[in-house]
Protein backbone atom coordinates (compact mmCIF):
# COMPACT_ATOMS: atom_id res chain seq x y z
CA MET A 1 23.66 -22.44 -26.38
CA GLU A 2 20.52 -25.10 -27.62
CA LYS A 3 17.26 -24.07 -27.79
CA TYR A 4 14.25 -26.32 -27.58
CA THR A 5 10.54 -25.61 -27.68
CA TYR A 6 7.98 -27.79 -25.82
CA LYS A 7 4.23 -27.87 -25.75
CA ILE A 8 2.69 -29.38 -22.53
CA ASP A 9 -0.67 -29.57 -21.88
CA ASN A 10 -1.36 -26.75 -24.57
CA VAL A 11 1.28 -24.54 -23.06
CA THR A 12 4.44 -23.72 -25.02
CA TYR A 13 7.95 -23.14 -23.65
CA GLU A 14 11.18 -22.09 -25.22
CA VAL A 15 14.08 -24.04 -23.38
CA ASN A 16 17.62 -22.33 -24.45
CA VAL A 17 20.10 -24.65 -22.16
CA LYS A 18 23.36 -22.09 -21.86
CA GLU A 19 25.87 -23.60 -19.67
CA VAL A 20 25.85 -27.56 -18.90
CA THR A 21 28.55 -29.04 -16.30
CA ASP A 22 29.44 -32.51 -14.86
CA SER A 23 26.83 -30.81 -11.57
CA GLY A 24 24.16 -29.17 -13.56
CA ALA A 25 22.81 -26.70 -16.34
CA GLU A 26 22.04 -23.17 -16.46
CA VAL A 27 18.73 -22.94 -18.36
CA GLU A 28 16.34 -20.21 -19.76
CA VAL A 29 11.99 -21.18 -19.68
CA ASN A 30 10.61 -19.05 -21.15
CA GLY A 31 13.07 -16.28 -20.69
CA VAL A 32 13.47 -17.20 -16.45
CA PRO A 33 16.95 -18.80 -15.83
CA TYR A 34 16.94 -22.40 -13.40
CA HIS A 35 19.89 -24.01 -12.65
CA VAL A 36 19.37 -27.96 -13.18
CA ASP A 37 21.35 -30.23 -10.75
CA ILE A 38 21.90 -33.38 -12.42
CA PRO A 39 22.82 -36.27 -10.42
CA MET A 40 26.42 -37.99 -10.91
CA ALA A 41 26.12 -41.25 -13.38
CA GLY A 42 24.72 -44.31 -11.36
CA THR A 43 23.81 -43.05 -7.73
CA ALA A 44 20.68 -43.76 -6.90
CA SER A 45 19.18 -41.01 -5.78
CA LYS A 46 15.76 -38.69 -5.21
CA PRO A 47 14.12 -36.62 -8.44
CA VAL A 48 16.08 -33.47 -9.21
CA VAL A 49 13.48 -30.61 -8.91
CA PRO A 50 14.92 -27.60 -10.95
CA ARG A 51 15.07 -24.07 -8.78
CA PRO A 52 15.03 -20.49 -9.93
CA ALA A 53 18.76 -18.93 -10.33
CA PRO A 54 18.92 -15.73 -8.24
CA LYS A 55 17.76 -12.89 -9.37
CA ALA A 56 18.42 -9.53 -8.88
CA GLU A 57 15.49 -7.35 -6.68
CA THR A 58 13.28 -4.82 -8.86
CA PRO A 59 13.73 -1.59 -7.46
CA ASN A 60 9.82 -0.34 -6.39
CA ALA A 61 8.51 -3.85 -7.49
CA THR A 62 5.26 -4.51 -5.48
CA PRO A 63 5.27 -8.52 -4.43
CA VAL A 64 1.34 -8.72 -6.06
CA ALA A 65 2.16 -7.59 -9.63
CA LYS A 66 4.89 -5.79 -11.35
CA ARG A 67 4.15 -3.13 -14.12
CA ALA A 68 6.57 -3.69 -17.17
CA GLY A 69 8.43 -1.11 -18.69
CA ALA A 70 7.84 -0.23 -22.38
CA GLY A 71 10.74 -2.56 -23.60
CA ALA A 72 8.82 -5.74 -22.47
CA VAL A 73 5.46 -6.52 -22.66
CA GLY A 74 4.31 -3.07 -23.25
CA ALA A 75 3.21 0.22 -21.11
CA GLY A 76 0.98 -0.55 -18.60
CA ALA A 77 0.98 -4.10 -18.32
CA ILE A 78 0.68 -6.13 -15.14
CA VAL A 79 2.75 -9.02 -15.50
CA SER A 80 2.32 -12.87 -13.43
CA PRO A 81 4.66 -12.42 -10.31
CA LEU A 82 5.02 -16.67 -10.42
CA PRO A 83 3.98 -19.43 -12.99
CA GLY A 84 -0.03 -20.50 -12.08
CA VAL A 85 -3.20 -20.83 -13.59
CA ILE A 86 -5.72 -18.41 -13.28
CA LEU A 87 -8.95 -18.82 -11.25
CA THR A 88 -11.17 -15.82 -11.34
CA VAL A 89 -10.92 -12.82 -14.10
CA LYS A 90 -13.28 -9.83 -11.92
CA CYS A 91 -12.70 -7.13 -14.91
CA LYS A 92 -13.14 -6.76 -18.59
CA GLU A 93 -11.79 -4.92 -21.30
CA GLY A 94 -12.69 -0.93 -21.18
CA ASP A 95 -13.36 -1.26 -17.52
CA ALA A 96 -12.34 1.33 -14.97
CA VAL A 97 -10.04 0.35 -12.41
CA LYS A 98 -8.58 1.97 -8.94
CA GLN A 99 -5.59 1.09 -7.52
CA GLY A 100 -5.68 -2.01 -5.10
CA ASP A 101 -8.77 -3.39 -7.30
CA VAL A 102 -8.68 -7.10 -7.29
CA LEU A 103 -8.32 -7.38 -11.58
CA LEU A 104 -7.82 -11.20 -11.30
CA VAL A 105 -6.97 -14.30 -9.01
CA LEU A 106 -4.17 -16.74 -9.62
CA GLU A 107 -3.51 -19.77 -8.35
CA ALA A 108 -0.22 -20.80 -7.23
CA MET A 109 1.73 -23.77 -5.40
CA LYS A 110 -2.22 -23.96 -4.22
CA MET A 111 -2.70 -20.47 -2.96
CA GLU A 112 -4.79 -17.98 -4.62
CA ASN A 113 -2.92 -14.41 -5.59
CA SER A 114 -5.19 -11.62 -5.47
CA ILE A 115 -3.26 -9.51 -8.52
CA GLU A 116 -3.91 -5.63 -8.17
CA ALA A 117 -4.43 -3.32 -10.46
CA ASP A 118 -0.93 -0.55 -9.68
CA ARG A 119 -3.11 2.56 -10.56
CA ASP A 120 -6.48 4.28 -11.72
CA GLY A 121 -7.16 3.78 -15.21
CA HIS A 122 -9.04 1.78 -17.33
CA VAL A 123 -8.27 -1.98 -18.65
CA VAL A 124 -6.97 -1.71 -22.35
CA LYS A 125 -6.46 -5.31 -22.86
CA LEU A 126 -7.16 -8.57 -20.96
CA HIS A 127 -4.13 -11.12 -21.43
CA VAL A 128 -5.89 -14.51 -20.02
CA ALA A 129 -8.80 -15.94 -18.95
CA VAL A 130 -10.18 -18.60 -16.45
CA ASN A 131 -8.44 -21.80 -16.69
CA ASP A 132 -5.14 -20.23 -18.58
CA GLN A 133 -1.56 -21.46 -17.66
CA VAL A 134 0.85 -18.72 -17.41
CA MET A 135 4.37 -18.23 -16.52
CA GLU A 136 5.94 -15.43 -14.14
CA GLY A 137 6.54 -12.35 -16.35
CA ASP A 138 3.74 -12.97 -18.71
CA PRO A 139 1.21 -10.36 -19.47
CA LEU A 140 -2.64 -10.29 -17.54
CA VAL A 141 -3.65 -7.50 -18.18
CA THR A 142 -3.04 -3.95 -19.90
CA LEU A 143 -3.80 -0.36 -17.93
CA GLY A 144 -4.70 2.54 -19.75
CA GLU A 145 -5.36 6.15 -18.31
């Protein structure tokens, strides 16, 4: 496996190339698996766009945000459900929140996504700021009791 580190617009990407074949490559970018199509040599084709590798559906995961387990980014962490840019932050460290409260707004694929608290608690740590670029699975907010 080959490992590369790229920095694009002040965002660091860790790329692990797992397998390369004649038709494509299996890579992992910041822990997210992708399949990259590689066009045949000498053929004129449209640009190749990487697509996420299929992944198993996580039981109990909400479509807006997932709470990470203790082994991932920390218990109580709300993580980014997809890559994007933070448009607004509607909470600060120490704030009390109720389940369903909007914590921040993430723009992804030209759509605004409200990231909500998955339970009652208080904001222990705010991991992002307005205009931060995040990848899927990056911690956004950590909630405590």
